[in-house]
Amino acid sequence: MSSTNSWPLWEVFIRSKRGLNHKHVGSLHATDAEMAIENARDVYTRRQEGISIWVVESVNISASDPKIMDAMFDPAADKIYRHPTFYDLPDALKHM
């Protein structure tokens, strides 16, 4: 049998019963996606808190470089129309 160190690393995302989105909960090693989902179910949803599991092989994830955070996110600061803070909202309007 092969060592688990040679198995690919998978990132696990769980959607909770009360949530609308999947959240990263951890990582695990598995031989394939089916095994990763089964292991994720056993490890990360022991209290039956999840309703959906996503697994993604770690090598397939691309991320921005934290070192270039300013250059990456600063262009959004000059688009004031995306943040309509200049509107007067009625007091009856909640959750806005």
Protein backbone atom coordinates (compact mmCIF):
# COMPACT_ATOMS: atom_id res chain seq x y z
CA MET A 1 0.00 0.00 0.00
CA SER A 2 1.26 3.47 -0.83
CA SER A 3 2.06 6.04 1.80
CA THR A 4 -0.50 8.80 2.45
CA ASN A 5 2.35 11.29 1.91
CA SER A 6 2.24 10.47 -1.81
CA TRP A 7 -1.54 11.00 -2.01
CA PRO A 8 -2.67 14.40 -3.33
CA LEU A 9 -3.70 17.10 -0.89
CA TRP A 10 -7.34 18.22 -1.09
CA GLU A 11 -8.91 21.40 0.28
CA VAL A 12 -12.31 20.88 1.91
CA PHE A 13 -15.24 23.33 1.84
CA ILE A 14 -18.44 22.70 3.83
CA ARG A 15 -21.82 24.42 3.55
CA SER A 16 -23.54 24.45 6.92
CA LYS A 17 -27.27 24.00 7.44
CA ARG A 18 -27.63 27.70 8.26
CA GLY A 19 -25.15 28.98 5.71
CA LEU A 20 -25.55 30.15 2.16
CA ASN A 21 -21.95 29.63 1.14
CA HIS A 22 -19.26 27.00 1.46
CA LYS A 23 -16.42 27.73 3.90
CA HIS A 24 -12.93 26.30 3.91
CA VAL A 25 -12.62 23.96 6.87
CA GLY A 26 -9.33 22.21 6.27
CA SER A 27 -7.25 19.88 4.15
CA LEU A 28 -6.75 16.15 3.83
CA HIS A 29 -4.91 13.59 1.73
CA ALA A 30 -6.87 11.19 -0.49
CA THR A 31 -6.30 9.14 -3.62
CA ASP A 32 -9.20 10.67 -5.57
CA ALA A 33 -12.18 13.04 -5.26
CA GLU A 34 -14.58 10.33 -4.10
CA MET A 35 -12.28 9.29 -1.27
CA ALA A 36 -11.69 12.96 -0.39
CA ILE A 37 -15.45 13.59 -0.07
CA GLU A 38 -15.94 10.49 2.09
CA ASN A 39 -13.00 11.40 4.33
CA ALA A 40 -14.18 15.02 4.55
CA ARG A 41 -17.62 13.82 5.62
CA ASP A 42 -16.07 11.64 8.33
CA VAL A 43 -13.63 14.28 9.58
CA TYR A 44 -15.45 17.60 9.17
CA THR A 45 -19.16 16.80 9.56
CA ARG A 46 -19.24 14.46 12.55
CA ARG A 47 -22.00 16.47 14.21
CA GLN A 48 -24.18 16.51 11.08
CA GLU A 49 -23.66 20.25 10.62
CA GLY A 50 -23.03 20.14 6.87
CA ILE A 51 -25.38 19.85 3.93
CA SER A 52 -22.84 20.03 1.09
CA ILE A 53 -19.16 19.22 0.67
CA TRP A 54 -16.77 20.50 -1.97
CA VAL A 55 -13.26 19.14 -2.37
CA VAL A 56 -10.63 20.68 -4.64
CA GLU A 57 -7.21 19.25 -5.27
CA SER A 58 -4.78 21.81 -3.84
CA VAL A 59 -2.66 21.95 -6.99
CA ASN A 60 -5.71 23.33 -8.86
CA ILE A 61 -6.10 26.40 -6.64
CA SER A 62 -4.62 29.69 -7.76
CA ALA A 63 -4.28 32.60 -5.37
CA SER A 64 -3.20 36.22 -5.52
CA ASP A 65 0.14 37.13 -4.00
CA PRO A 66 -0.24 38.93 -0.64
CA LYS A 67 2.89 40.95 -1.47
CA ILE A 68 1.02 42.77 -4.26
CA MET A 69 -2.15 43.35 -2.23
CA ASP A 70 -2.09 47.13 -2.76
CA ALA A 71 -1.78 46.90 -6.53
CA MET A 72 -4.40 44.18 -6.66
CA PHE A 73 -7.14 45.86 -4.62
CA ASP A 74 -6.48 49.60 -4.87
CA PRO A 75 -8.23 50.06 -8.25
CA ALA A 76 -11.59 49.39 -6.55
CA ALA A 77 -11.10 52.39 -4.23
CA ASP A 78 -11.64 54.91 -7.03
CA LYS A 79 -15.05 53.49 -8.00
CA ILE A 80 -17.28 55.32 -5.54
CA TYR A 81 -20.42 54.15 -7.32
CA ARG A 82 -19.77 50.68 -5.93
CA HIS A 83 -20.18 52.01 -2.41
CA PRO A 84 -23.28 54.24 -2.41
CA THR A 85 -22.55 55.92 0.92
CA PHE A 86 -23.80 59.27 -0.35
CA TYR A 87 -27.48 58.23 -0.49
CA ASP A 88 -29.89 59.19 2.29
CA LEU A 89 -31.82 56.10 3.31
CA PRO A 90 -35.19 56.23 5.08
CA ASP A 91 -35.17 55.11 8.72
CA ALA A 92 -37.74 52.42 7.92
CA LEU A 93 -35.21 50.70 5.68
CA LYS A 94 -33.24 48.22 7.72
CA HIS A 95 -30.47 45.80 6.72
CA MET A 96 -28.91 47.94 4.04
